[in-house]
Amino acid sequence: MAHSAEAETDAEAGLSRRQSSEATLVQPEATASPTQEPDAGEDLNHVSGKRLSLIVASLAMSVFLVGLDNAILTTAIPTITTAFDSLKDVGWYGSAFMICL
């Protein structure tokens, strides 16, 4: 009899431990305070206005200048090849040009 009472006590203790561990797994709902939420009209993650225009213009100018550099090199390759009389070194022209940049 004592053995069965002890087993019931152990079972109840295991049940209460399981219930308490389940209770700790449940997260309470987070309550958001009004100071943590950004205003509806305020967006801190995006650039706009003059800064955005300046960034876009800078990127466009960079793309244009890289294209211009490539066009200059492409136009100059036949002249360079004739001047050095070496068609086998054509691959080095682009590499040498990029080193200078």
PDB file of N, CA and C in Angstrom:
ATOM      1  N   MET A   1       0.806  -1.179   0.000  1.00  0.00           N
ATOM      2  CA  MET A   1       0.000   0.000   0.000  1.00  0.00           C
ATOM      3  C   MET A   1       0.857   1.254   0.000  1.00  0.00           C
ATOM      4  N   ALA A   2       1.897   1.219   0.760  1.00  0.00           N
ATOM      5  CA  ALA A   2       2.763   2.378   0.850  1.00  0.00           C
ATOM      6  C   ALA A   2       3.419   2.650  -0.498  1.00  0.00           C
ATOM      7  N   HIS A   3       3.676   1.553  -1.202  1.00  0.00           N
ATOM      8  CA  HIS A   3       4.339   1.701  -2.495  1.00  0.00           C
ATOM      9  C   HIS A   3       3.410   2.404  -3.495  1.00  0.00           C
ATOM     10  N   SER A   4       2.122   2.067  -3.523  1.00  0.00           N
ATOM     11  CA  SER A   4       1.184   2.677  -4.458  1.00  0.00           C
ATOM     12  C   SER A   4       0.922   4.137  -4.094  1.00  0.00           C
ATOM     13  N   ALA A   5       0.894   4.469  -2.791  1.00  0.00           N
ATOM     14  CA  ALA A   5       0.713   5.862  -2.374  1.00  0.00           C
ATOM     15  C   ALA A   5       1.926   6.697  -2.792  1.00  0.00           C
ATOM     16  N   GLU A   6       3.100   6.082  -2.683  1.00  0.00           N
ATOM     17  CA  GLU A   6       4.326   6.777  -3.074  1.00  0.00           C
ATOM     18  C   GLU A   6       4.341   6.998  -4.586  1.00  0.00           C
ATOM     19  N   ALA A   7       3.858   6.036  -5.351  1.00  0.00           N
ATOM     20  CA  ALA A   7       3.799   6.147  -6.805  1.00  0.00           C
ATOM     21  C   ALA A   7       2.828   7.240  -7.215  1.00  0.00           C
ATOM     22  N   GLU A   8       1.685   7.333  -6.516  1.00  0.00           N
ATOM     23  CA  GLU A   8       0.721   8.388  -6.819  1.00  0.00           C
ATOM     24  C   GLU A   8       1.301   9.757  -6.513  1.00  0.00           C
ATOM     25  N   THR A   9       2.049   9.872  -5.420  1.00  0.00           N
ATOM     26  CA  THR A   9       2.669  11.148  -5.059  1.00  0.00           C
ATOM     27  C   THR A   9       3.698  11.543  -6.108  1.00  0.00           C
ATOM     28  N   ASP A  10       4.490  10.551  -6.577  1.00  0.00           N
ATOM     29  CA  ASP A  10       5.479  10.821  -7.611  1.00  0.00           C
ATOM     30  C   ASP A  10       4.795  11.240  -8.916  1.00  0.00           C
ATOM     31  N   ALA A  11       3.685  10.611  -9.242  1.00  0.00           N
ATOM     32  CA  ALA A  11       2.948  10.950 -10.463  1.00  0.00           C
ATOM     33  C   ALA A  11       2.388  12.355 -10.371  1.00  0.00           C
ATOM     34  N   GLU A  12       1.856  12.705  -9.206  1.00  0.00           N
ATOM     35  CA  GLU A  12       1.321  14.058  -9.018  1.00  0.00           C
ATOM     36  C   GLU A  12       2.440  15.087  -9.099  1.00  0.00           C
ATOM     37  N   ALA A  13       3.606  14.770  -8.529  1.00  0.00           N
ATOM     38  CA  ALA A  13       4.736  15.686  -8.578  1.00  0.00           C
ATOM     39  C   ALA A  13       5.207  15.864 -10.017  1.00  0.00           C
ATOM     40  N   GLY A  14       5.225  14.764 -10.790  1.00  0.00           N
ATOM     41  CA  GLY A  14       5.619  14.849 -12.199  1.00  0.00           C
ATOM     42  C   GLY A  14       4.640  15.677 -13.000  1.00  0.00           C
ATOM     43  N   LEU A  15       3.340  15.525 -12.680  1.00  0.00           N
ATOM     44  CA  LEU A  15       2.315  16.289 -13.367  1.00  0.00           C
ATOM     45  C   LEU A  15       2.459  17.764 -13.046  1.00  0.00           C
ATOM     46  N   SER A  16       2.693  18.092 -11.796  1.00  0.00           N
ATOM     47  CA  SER A  16       2.816  19.502 -11.429  1.00  0.00           C
ATOM     48  C   SER A  16       4.080  20.107 -12.037  1.00  0.00           C
ATOM     49  N   ARG A  17       5.178  19.312 -12.122  1.00  0.00           N
ATOM     50  CA  ARG A  17       6.399  19.815 -12.770  1.00  0.00           C
ATOM     51  C   ARG A  17       6.161  20.073 -14.254  1.00  0.00           C
ATOM     52  N   ARG A  18       5.432  19.170 -14.890  1.00  0.00           N
ATOM     53  CA  ARG A  18       5.140  19.325 -16.308  1.00  0.00           C
ATOM     54  C   ARG A  18       4.263  20.544 -16.540  1.00  0.00           C
ATOM     55  N   GLN A  19       3.268  20.745 -15.688  1.00  0.00           N
ATOM     56  CA  GLN A  19       2.397  21.896 -15.820  1.00  0.00           C
ATOM     57  C   GLN A  19       3.170  23.186 -15.601  1.00  0.00           C
ATOM     58  N   SER A  20       4.096  23.195 -14.649  1.00  0.00           N
ATOM     59  CA  SER A  20       4.859  24.414 -14.398  1.00  0.00           C
ATOM     60  C   SER A  20       5.820  24.696 -15.545  1.00  0.00           C
ATOM     61  N   SER A  21       6.399  23.632 -16.161  1.00  0.00           N
ATOM     62  CA  SER A  21       7.303  23.862 -17.293  1.00  0.00           C
ATOM     63  C   SER A  21       6.522  24.329 -18.508  1.00  0.00           C
ATOM     64  N   GLU A  22       5.287  23.824 -18.698  1.00  0.00           N
ATOM     65  CA  GLU A  22       4.450  24.300 -19.796  1.00  0.00           C
ATOM     66  C   GLU A  22       4.056  25.744 -19.565  1.00  0.00           C
ATOM     67  N   ALA A  23       3.836  26.101 -18.336  1.00  0.00           N
ATOM     68  CA  ALA A  23       3.463  27.475 -18.032  1.00  0.00           C
ATOM     69  C   ALA A  23       4.620  28.423 -18.328  1.00  0.00           C
ATOM     70  N   THR A  24       5.851  27.971 -18.147  1.00  0.00           N
ATOM     71  CA  THR A  24       6.974  28.851 -18.436  1.00  0.00           C
ATOM     72  C   THR A  24       7.238  28.962 -19.928  1.00  0.00           C
ATOM     73  N   LEU A  25       6.783  27.978 -20.723  1.00  0.00           N
ATOM     74  CA  LEU A  25       6.965  28.054 -22.159  1.00  0.00           C
ATOM     75  C   LEU A  25       6.026  29.048 -22.815  1.00  0.00           C
ATOM     76  N   VAL A  26       4.898  29.302 -22.210  1.00  0.00           N
ATOM     77  CA  VAL A  26       3.924  30.220 -22.766  1.00  0.00           C
ATOM     78  C   VAL A  26       4.418  31.642 -22.540  1.00  0.00           C
ATOM     79  N   GLN A  27       4.558  32.380 -23.634  1.00  0.00           N
ATOM     80  CA  GLN A  27       5.026  33.756 -23.546  1.00  0.00           C
ATOM     81  C   GLN A  27       3.827  34.685 -23.370  1.00  0.00           C
ATOM     82  N   PRO A  28       3.905  35.618 -22.466  1.00  0.00           N
ATOM     83  CA  PRO A  28       2.808  36.572 -22.332  1.00  0.00           C
ATOM     84  C   PRO A  28       2.790  37.492 -23.548  1.00  0.00           C
ATOM     85  N   GLU A  29       1.624  37.976 -23.889  1.00  0.00           N
ATOM     86  CA  GLU A  29       1.495  38.869 -25.035  1.00  0.00           C
ATOM     87  C   GLU A  29       2.237  40.168 -24.743  1.00  0.00           C
ATOM     88  N   ALA A  30       2.980  40.605 -25.738  1.00  0.00           N
ATOM     89  CA  ALA A  30       3.745  41.847 -25.572  1.00  0.00           C
ATOM     90  C   ALA A  30       2.801  43.028 -25.691  1.00  0.00           C
ATOM     91  N   THR A  31       2.910  43.914 -24.779  1.00  0.00           N
ATOM     92  CA  THR A  31       2.099  45.120 -24.833  1.00  0.00           C
ATOM     93  C   THR A  31       2.966  46.225 -25.398  1.00  0.00           C
ATOM     94  N   ALA A  32       2.542  46.796 -26.491  1.00  0.00           N
ATOM     95  CA  ALA A  32       3.312  47.849 -27.152  1.00  0.00           C
ATOM     96  C   ALA A  32       2.919  49.194 -26.564  1.00  0.00           C
ATOM     97  N   SER A  33       3.914  49.929 -26.222  1.00  0.00           N
ATOM     98  CA  SER A  33       3.635  51.263 -25.712  1.00  0.00           C
ATOM     99  C   SER A  33       3.614  52.235 -26.884  1.00  0.00           C
ATOM    100  N   PRO A  34       2.893  53.313 -26.768  1.00  0.00           N
ATOM    101  CA  PRO A  34       2.786  54.266 -27.871  1.00  0.00           C
ATOM    102  C   PRO A  34       4.131  54.904 -28.230  1.00  0.00           C
ATOM    103  N   THR A  35       5.074  54.932 -27.313  1.00  0.00           N
ATOM    104  CA  THR A  35       6.357  55.561 -27.619  1.00  0.00           C
ATOM    105  C   THR A  35       7.230  54.666 -28.486  1.00  0.00           C
ATOM    106  N   GLN A  36       6.987  53.358 -28.535  1.00  0.00           N
ATOM    107  CA  GLN A  36       7.798  52.449 -29.337  1.00  0.00           C
ATOM    108  C   GLN A  36       7.350  52.380 -30.785  1.00  0.00           C
ATOM    109  N   GLU A  37       6.119  52.678 -31.083  1.00  0.00           N
ATOM    110  CA  GLU A  37       5.600  52.589 -32.432  1.00  0.00           C
ATOM    111  C   GLU A  37       5.928  53.860 -33.203  1.00  0.00           C
ATOM    112  N   PRO A  38       6.438  53.730 -34.444  1.00  0.00           N
ATOM    113  CA  PRO A  38       6.711  54.934 -35.239  1.00  0.00           C
ATOM    114  C   PRO A  38       5.408  55.574 -35.692  1.00  0.00           C
ATOM    115  N   ASP A  39       5.460  56.860 -35.929  1.00  0.00           N
ATOM    116  CA  ASP A  39       4.282  57.561 -36.421  1.00  0.00           C
ATOM    117  C   ASP A  39       3.926  57.045 -37.804  1.00  0.00           C
ATOM    118  N   ALA A  40       2.675  57.185 -38.190  1.00  0.00           N
ATOM    119  CA  ALA A  40       2.215  56.659 -39.471  1.00  0.00           C
ATOM    120  C   ALA A  40       2.906  57.367 -40.636  1.00  0.00           C
ATOM    121  N   GLY A  41       3.181  58.662 -40.523  1.00  0.00           N
ATOM    122  CA  GLY A  41       3.801  59.411 -41.603  1.00  0.00           C
ATOM    123  C   GLY A  41       5.318  59.378 -41.558  1.00  0.00           C
ATOM    124  N   GLU A  42       5.903  58.875 -40.520  1.00  0.00           N
ATOM    125  CA  GLU A  42       7.353  58.888 -40.354  1.00  0.00           C
ATOM    126  C   GLU A  42       7.943  57.540 -40.753  1.00  0.00           C
ATOM    127  N   ASP A  43       8.887  57.565 -41.708  1.00  0.00           N
ATOM    128  CA  ASP A  43       9.546  56.345 -42.157  1.00  0.00           C
ATOM    129  C   ASP A  43      11.048  56.570 -42.073  1.00  0.00           C
ATOM    130  N   LEU A  44      11.695  55.960 -41.092  1.00  0.00           N
ATOM    131  CA  LEU A  44      13.097  56.216 -40.825  1.00  0.00           C
ATOM    132  C   LEU A  44      14.034  55.368 -41.672  1.00  0.00           C
ATOM    133  N   ASN A  45      13.545  54.380 -42.404  1.00  0.00           N
ATOM    134  CA  ASN A  45      14.400  53.455 -43.128  1.00  0.00           C
ATOM    135  C   ASN A  45      14.610  53.814 -44.588  1.00  0.00           C
ATOM    136  N   HIS A  46      13.953  54.833 -45.114  1.00  0.00           N
ATOM    137  CA  HIS A  46      14.053  55.155 -46.525  1.00  0.00           C
ATOM    138  C   HIS A  46      14.591  56.565 -46.719  1.00  0.00           C
ATOM    139  N   VAL A  47      15.415  56.708 -47.759  1.00  0.00           N
ATOM    140  CA  VAL A  47      15.957  58.011 -48.117  1.00  0.00           C
ATOM    141  C   VAL A  47      14.982  58.668 -49.072  1.00  0.00           C
ATOM    142  N   SER A  48      14.772  59.953 -48.920  1.00  0.00           N
ATOM    143  CA  SER A  48      13.854  60.644 -49.818  1.00  0.00           C
ATOM    144  C   SER A  48      14.336  62.070 -50.035  1.00  0.00           C
ATOM    145  N   GLY A  49      13.714  62.739 -50.960  1.00  0.00           N
ATOM    146  CA  GLY A  49      14.010  64.139 -51.214  1.00  0.00           C
ATOM    147  C   GLY A  49      15.342  64.355 -51.920  1.00  0.00           C
ATOM    148  N   LYS A  50      16.039  65.381 -51.477  1.00  0.00           N
ATOM    149  CA  LYS A  50      17.306  65.767 -52.116  1.00  0.00           C
ATOM    150  C   LYS A  50      18.374  64.696 -51.971  1.00  0.00           C
ATOM    151  N   ARG A  51      18.399  64.013 -50.843  1.00  0.00           N
ATOM    152  CA  ARG A  51      19.400  62.939 -50.654  1.00  0.00           C
ATOM    153  C   ARG A  51      19.191  61.823 -51.659  1.00  0.00           C
ATOM    154  N   LEU A  52      17.955  61.430 -51.891  1.00  0.00           N
ATOM    155  CA  LEU A  52      17.656  60.381 -52.858  1.00  0.00           C
ATOM    156  C   LEU A  52      18.056  60.820 -54.260  1.00  0.00           C
ATOM    157  N   SER A  53      17.747  62.054 -54.617  1.00  0.00           N
ATOM    158  CA  SER A  53      18.119  62.583 -55.933  1.00  0.00           C
ATOM    159  C   SER A  53      19.631  62.590 -56.109  1.00  0.00           C
ATOM    160  N   LEU A  54      20.360  62.995 -55.078  1.00  0.00           N
ATOM    161  CA  LEU A  54      21.818  63.023 -55.144  1.00  0.00           C
ATOM    162  C   LEU A  54      22.397  61.615 -55.286  1.00  0.00           C
ATOM    163  N   ILE A  55      21.855  60.651 -54.572  1.00  0.00           N
ATOM    164  CA  ILE A  55      22.326  59.262 -54.661  1.00  0.00           C
ATOM    165  C   ILE A  55      22.066  58.692 -56.048  1.00  0.00           C
ATOM    166  N   VAL A  56      20.880  58.909 -56.589  1.00  0.00           N
ATOM    167  CA  VAL A  56      20.540  58.396 -57.915  1.00  0.00           C
ATOM    168  C   VAL A  56      21.400  59.055 -58.984  1.00  0.00           C
ATOM    169  N   ALA A  57      21.617  60.367 -58.893  1.00  0.00           N
ATOM    170  CA  ALA A  57      22.455  61.073 -59.866  1.00  0.00           C
ATOM    171  C   ALA A  57      23.901  60.577 -59.799  1.00  0.00           C
ATOM    172  N   SER A  58      24.409  60.320 -58.595  1.00  0.00           N
ATOM    173  CA  SER A  58      25.774  59.811 -58.445  1.00  0.00           C
ATOM    174  C   SER A  58      25.917  58.429 -59.062  1.00  0.00           C
ATOM    175  N   LEU A  59      24.952  57.560 -58.828  1.00  0.00           N
ATOM    176  CA  LEU A  59      24.991  56.227 -59.418  1.00  0.00           C
ATOM    177  C   LEU A  59      24.894  56.277 -60.941  1.00  0.00           C
ATOM    178  N   ALA A  60      24.043  57.151 -61.466  1.00  0.00           N
ATOM    179  CA  ALA A  60      23.900  57.285 -62.918  1.00  0.00           C
ATOM    180  C   ALA A  60      25.199  57.796 -63.537  1.00  0.00           C
ATOM    181  N   MET A  61      25.856  58.760 -62.894  1.00  0.00           N
ATOM    182  CA  MET A  61      27.112  59.284 -63.413  1.00  0.00           C
ATOM    183  C   MET A  61      28.204  58.217 -63.370  1.00  0.00           C
ATOM    184  N   SER A  62      28.214  57.412 -62.329  1.00  0.00           N
ATOM    185  CA  SER A  62      29.203  56.330 -62.229  1.00  0.00           C
ATOM    186  C   SER A  62      29.031  55.321 -63.357  1.00  0.00           C
ATOM    187  N   VAL A  63      27.803  54.933 -63.640  1.00  0.00           N
ATOM    188  CA  VAL A  63      27.533  53.991 -64.725  1.00  0.00           C
ATOM    189  C   VAL A  63      27.943  54.607 -66.063  1.00  0.00           C
ATOM    190  N   PHE A  64      27.644  55.886 -66.268  1.00  0.00           N
ATOM    191  CA  PHE A  64      28.015  56.569 -67.504  1.00  0.00           C
ATOM    192  C   PHE A  64      29.531  56.604 -67.682  1.00  0.00           C
ATOM    193  N   LEU A  65      30.270  56.922 -66.627  1.00  0.00           N
ATOM    194  CA  LEU A  65      31.726  57.009 -66.729  1.00  0.00           C
ATOM    195  C   LEU A  65      32.374  55.650 -66.984  1.00  0.00           C
ATOM    196  N   VAL A  66      31.851  54.595 -66.392  1.00  0.00           N
ATOM    197  CA  VAL A  66      32.383  53.253 -66.662  1.00  0.00           C
ATOM    198  C   VAL A  66      32.139  52.888 -68.119  1.00  0.00           C
ATOM    199  N   GLY A  67      30.964  53.198 -68.639  1.00  0.00           N
ATOM    200  CA  GLY A  67      30.667  52.942 -70.051  1.00  0.00           C
ATOM    201  C   GLY A  67      31.546  53.759 -70.972  1.00  0.00           C
ATOM    202  N   LEU A  68      31.806  55.005 -70.605  1.00  0.00           N
ATOM    203  CA  LEU A  68      32.690  55.866 -71.399  1.00  0.00           C
ATOM    204  C   LEU A  68      34.110  55.308 -71.421  1.00  0.00           C
ATOM    205  N   ASP A  69      34.593  54.859 -70.269  1.00  0.00           N
ATOM    206  CA  ASP A  69      35.933  54.256 -70.211  1.00  0.00           C
ATOM    207  C   ASP A  69      36.030  53.035 -71.117  1.00  0.00           C
ATOM    208  N   ASN A  70      35.024  52.197 -71.082  1.00  0.00           N
ATOM    209  CA  ASN A  70      35.027  50.999 -71.933  1.00  0.00           C
ATOM    210  C   ASN A  70      34.951  51.366 -73.416  1.00  0.00           C
ATOM    211  N   ALA A  71      34.186  52.406 -73.742  1.00  0.00           N
ATOM    212  CA  ALA A  71      34.085  52.846 -75.138  1.00  0.00           C
ATOM    213  C   ALA A  71      35.423  53.405 -75.628  1.00  0.00           C
ATOM    214  N   ILE A  72      36.116  54.142 -74.777  1.00  0.00           N
ATOM    215  CA  ILE A  72      37.429  54.681 -75.148  1.00  0.00           C
ATOM    216  C   ILE A  72      38.410  53.547 -75.406  1.00  0.00           C
ATOM    217  N   LEU A  73      38.425  52.567 -74.534  1.00  0.00           N
ATOM    218  CA  LEU A  73      39.341  51.435 -74.709  1.00  0.00           C
ATOM    219  C   LEU A  73      39.008  50.646 -75.975  1.00  0.00           C
ATOM    220  N   THR A  74      37.730  50.429 -76.230  1.00  0.00           N
ATOM    221  CA  THR A  74      37.322  49.681 -77.423  1.00  0.00           C
ATOM    222  C   THR A  74      37.733  50.410 -78.690  1.00  0.00           C
ATOM    223  N   THR A  75      37.603  51.712 -78.675  1.00  0.00           N
ATOM    224  CA  THR A  75      37.986  52.501 -79.837  1.00  0.00           C
ATOM    225  C   THR A  75      39.499  52.521 -80.022  1.00  0.00           C
ATOM    226  N   ALA A  76      40.244  52.487 -78.942  1.00  0.00           N
ATOM    227  CA  ALA A  76      41.699  52.597 -79.012  1.00  0.00           C
ATOM    228  C   ALA A  76      42.401  51.272 -79.316  1.00  0.00           C
ATOM    229  N   ILE A  77      41.744  50.161 -79.157  1.00  0.00           N
ATOM    230  CA  ILE A  77      42.400  48.852 -79.340  1.00  0.00           C
ATOM    231  C   ILE A  77      43.007  48.677 -80.740  1.00  0.00           C
ATOM    232  N   PRO A  78      42.304  49.012 -81.840  1.00  0.00           N
ATOM    233  CA  PRO A  78      42.949  48.835 -83.150  1.00  0.00           C
ATOM    234  C   PRO A  78      44.210  49.698 -83.329  1.00  0.00           C
ATOM    235  N   THR A  79      44.169  50.905 -82.810  1.00  0.00           N
ATOM    236  CA  THR A  79      45.335  51.783 -82.923  1.00  0.00           C
ATOM    237  C   THR A  79      46.502  51.250 -82.105  1.00  0.00           C
ATOM    238  N   ILE A  80      46.226  50.785 -80.900  1.00  0.00           N
ATOM    239  CA  ILE A  80      47.277  50.241 -80.033  1.00  0.00           C
ATOM    240  C   ILE A  80      47.865  48.980 -80.655  1.00  0.00           C
ATOM    241  N   THR A  81      47.005  48.139 -81.223  1.00  0.00           N
ATOM    242  CA  THR A  81      47.474  46.899 -81.842  1.00  0.00           C
ATOM    243  C   THR A  81      48.385  47.204 -83.035  1.00  0.00           C
ATOM    244  N   THR A  82      48.025  48.216 -83.842  1.00  0.00           N
ATOM    245  CA  THR A  82      48.843  48.597 -84.987  1.00  0.00           C
ATOM    246  C   THR A  82      50.167  49.199 -84.530  1.00  0.00           C
ATOM    247  N   ALA A  83      50.129  50.026 -83.489  1.00  0.00           N
ATOM    248  CA  ALA A  83      51.341  50.698 -83.018  1.00  0.00           C
ATOM    249  C   ALA A  83      52.349  49.695 -82.458  1.00  0.00           C
ATOM    250  N   PHE A  84      51.890  48.699 -81.742  1.00  0.00           N
ATOM    251  CA  PHE A  84      52.798  47.721 -81.149  1.00  0.00           C
ATOM    252  C   PHE A  84      52.990  46.484 -82.035  1.00  0.00           C
ATOM    253  N   ASP A  85      52.234  46.403 -83.113  1.00  0.00           N
ATOM    254  CA  ASP A  85      52.294  45.291 -84.053  1.00  0.00           C
ATOM    255  C   ASP A  85      52.226  43.938 -83.323  1.00  0.00           C
ATOM    256  N   SER A  86      51.239  43.851 -82.415  1.00  0.00           N
ATOM    257  CA  SER A  86      51.122  42.640 -81.611  1.00  0.00           C
ATOM    258  C   SER A  86      49.653  42.350 -81.308  1.00  0.00           C
ATOM    259  N   LEU A  87      49.060  41.516 -82.131  1.00  0.00           N
ATOM    260  CA  LEU A  87      47.660  41.132 -81.918  1.00  0.00           C
ATOM    261  C   LEU A  87      47.518  40.170 -80.747  1.00  0.00           C
ATOM    262  N   LYS A  88      48.565  39.414 -80.428  1.00  0.00           N
ATOM    263  CA  LYS A  88      48.476  38.433 -79.346  1.00  0.00           C
ATOM    264  C   LYS A  88      48.373  39.085 -77.964  1.00  0.00           C
ATOM    265  N   ASP A  89      48.702  40.371 -77.818  1.00  0.00           N
ATOM    266  CA  ASP A  89      48.647  41.051 -76.528  1.00  0.00           C
ATOM    267  C   ASP A  89      47.363  41.859 -76.316  1.00  0.00           C
ATOM    268  N   VAL A  90      46.379  41.660 -77.172  1.00  0.00           N
ATOM    269  CA  VAL A  90      45.125  42.408 -77.063  1.00  0.00           C
ATOM    270  C   VAL A  90      44.473  42.208 -75.692  1.00  0.00           C
ATOM    271  N   GLY A  91      44.567  41.047 -75.132  1.00  0.00           N
ATOM    272  CA  GLY A  91      43.959  40.763 -73.827  1.00  0.00           C
ATOM    273  C   GLY A  91      44.539  41.587 -72.699  1.00  0.00           C
ATOM    274  N   TRP A  92      45.758  42.041 -72.854  1.00  0.00           N
ATOM    275  CA  TRP A  92      46.414  42.824 -71.812  1.00  0.00           C
ATOM    276  C   TRP A  92      45.979  44.287 -71.816  1.00  0.00           C
ATOM    277  N   TYR A  93      45.407  44.769 -72.897  1.00  0.00           N
ATOM    278  CA  TYR A  93      45.054  46.191 -72.973  1.00  0.00           C
ATOM    279  C   TYR A  93      44.023  46.561 -71.916  1.00  0.00           C
ATOM    280  N   GLY A  94      42.998  45.758 -71.813  1.00  0.00           N
ATOM    281  CA  GLY A  94      41.957  46.023 -70.810  1.00  0.00           C
ATOM    282  C   GLY A  94      42.496  45.922 -69.388  1.00  0.00           C
ATOM    283  N   SER A  95      43.364  44.948 -69.159  1.00  0.00           N
ATOM    284  CA  SER A  95      43.939  44.784 -67.816  1.00  0.00           C
ATOM    285  C   SER A  95      44.838  45.947 -67.460  1.00  0.00           C
ATOM    286  N   ALA A  96      45.676  46.372 -68.398  1.00  0.00           N
ATOM    287  CA  ALA A  96      46.559  47.511 -68.141  1.00  0.00           C
ATOM    288  C   ALA A  96      45.748  48.788 -67.921  1.00  0.00           C
ATOM    289  N   PHE A  97      44.667  48.948 -68.663  1.00  0.00           N
ATOM    290  CA  PHE A  97      43.818  50.112 -68.497  1.00  0.00           C
ATOM    291  C   PHE A  97      43.156  50.135 -67.114  1.00  0.00           C
ATOM    292  N   MET A  98      42.711  48.956 -66.652  1.00  0.00           N
ATOM    293  CA  MET A  98      42.062  48.885 -65.338  1.00  0.00           C
ATOM    294  C   MET A  98      43.046  49.122 -64.205  1.00  0.00           C
ATOM    295  N   ILE A  99      44.313  48.755 -64.383  1.00  0.00           N
ATOM    296  CA  ILE A  99      45.319  49.017 -63.347  1.00  0.00           C
ATOM    297  C   ILE A  99      45.487  50.519 -63.151  1.00  0.00           C
ATOM    298  N   CYS A 100      45.412  51.270 -64.228  1.00  0.00           N
ATOM    299  CA  CYS A 100      45.570  52.730 -64.153  1.00  0.00           C
ATOM    300  C   CYS A 100      44.418  53.401 -63.421  1.00  0.00           C
ATOM    301  N   LEU A 101      43.270  52.765 -63.405  1.00  0.00           N
ATOM    302  CA  LEU A 101      42.131  53.380 -62.715  1.00  0.00           C
ATOM    303  C   LEU A 101      42.310  53.192 -61.246  1.00  0.00           C
TER     304      LEU A 101
END
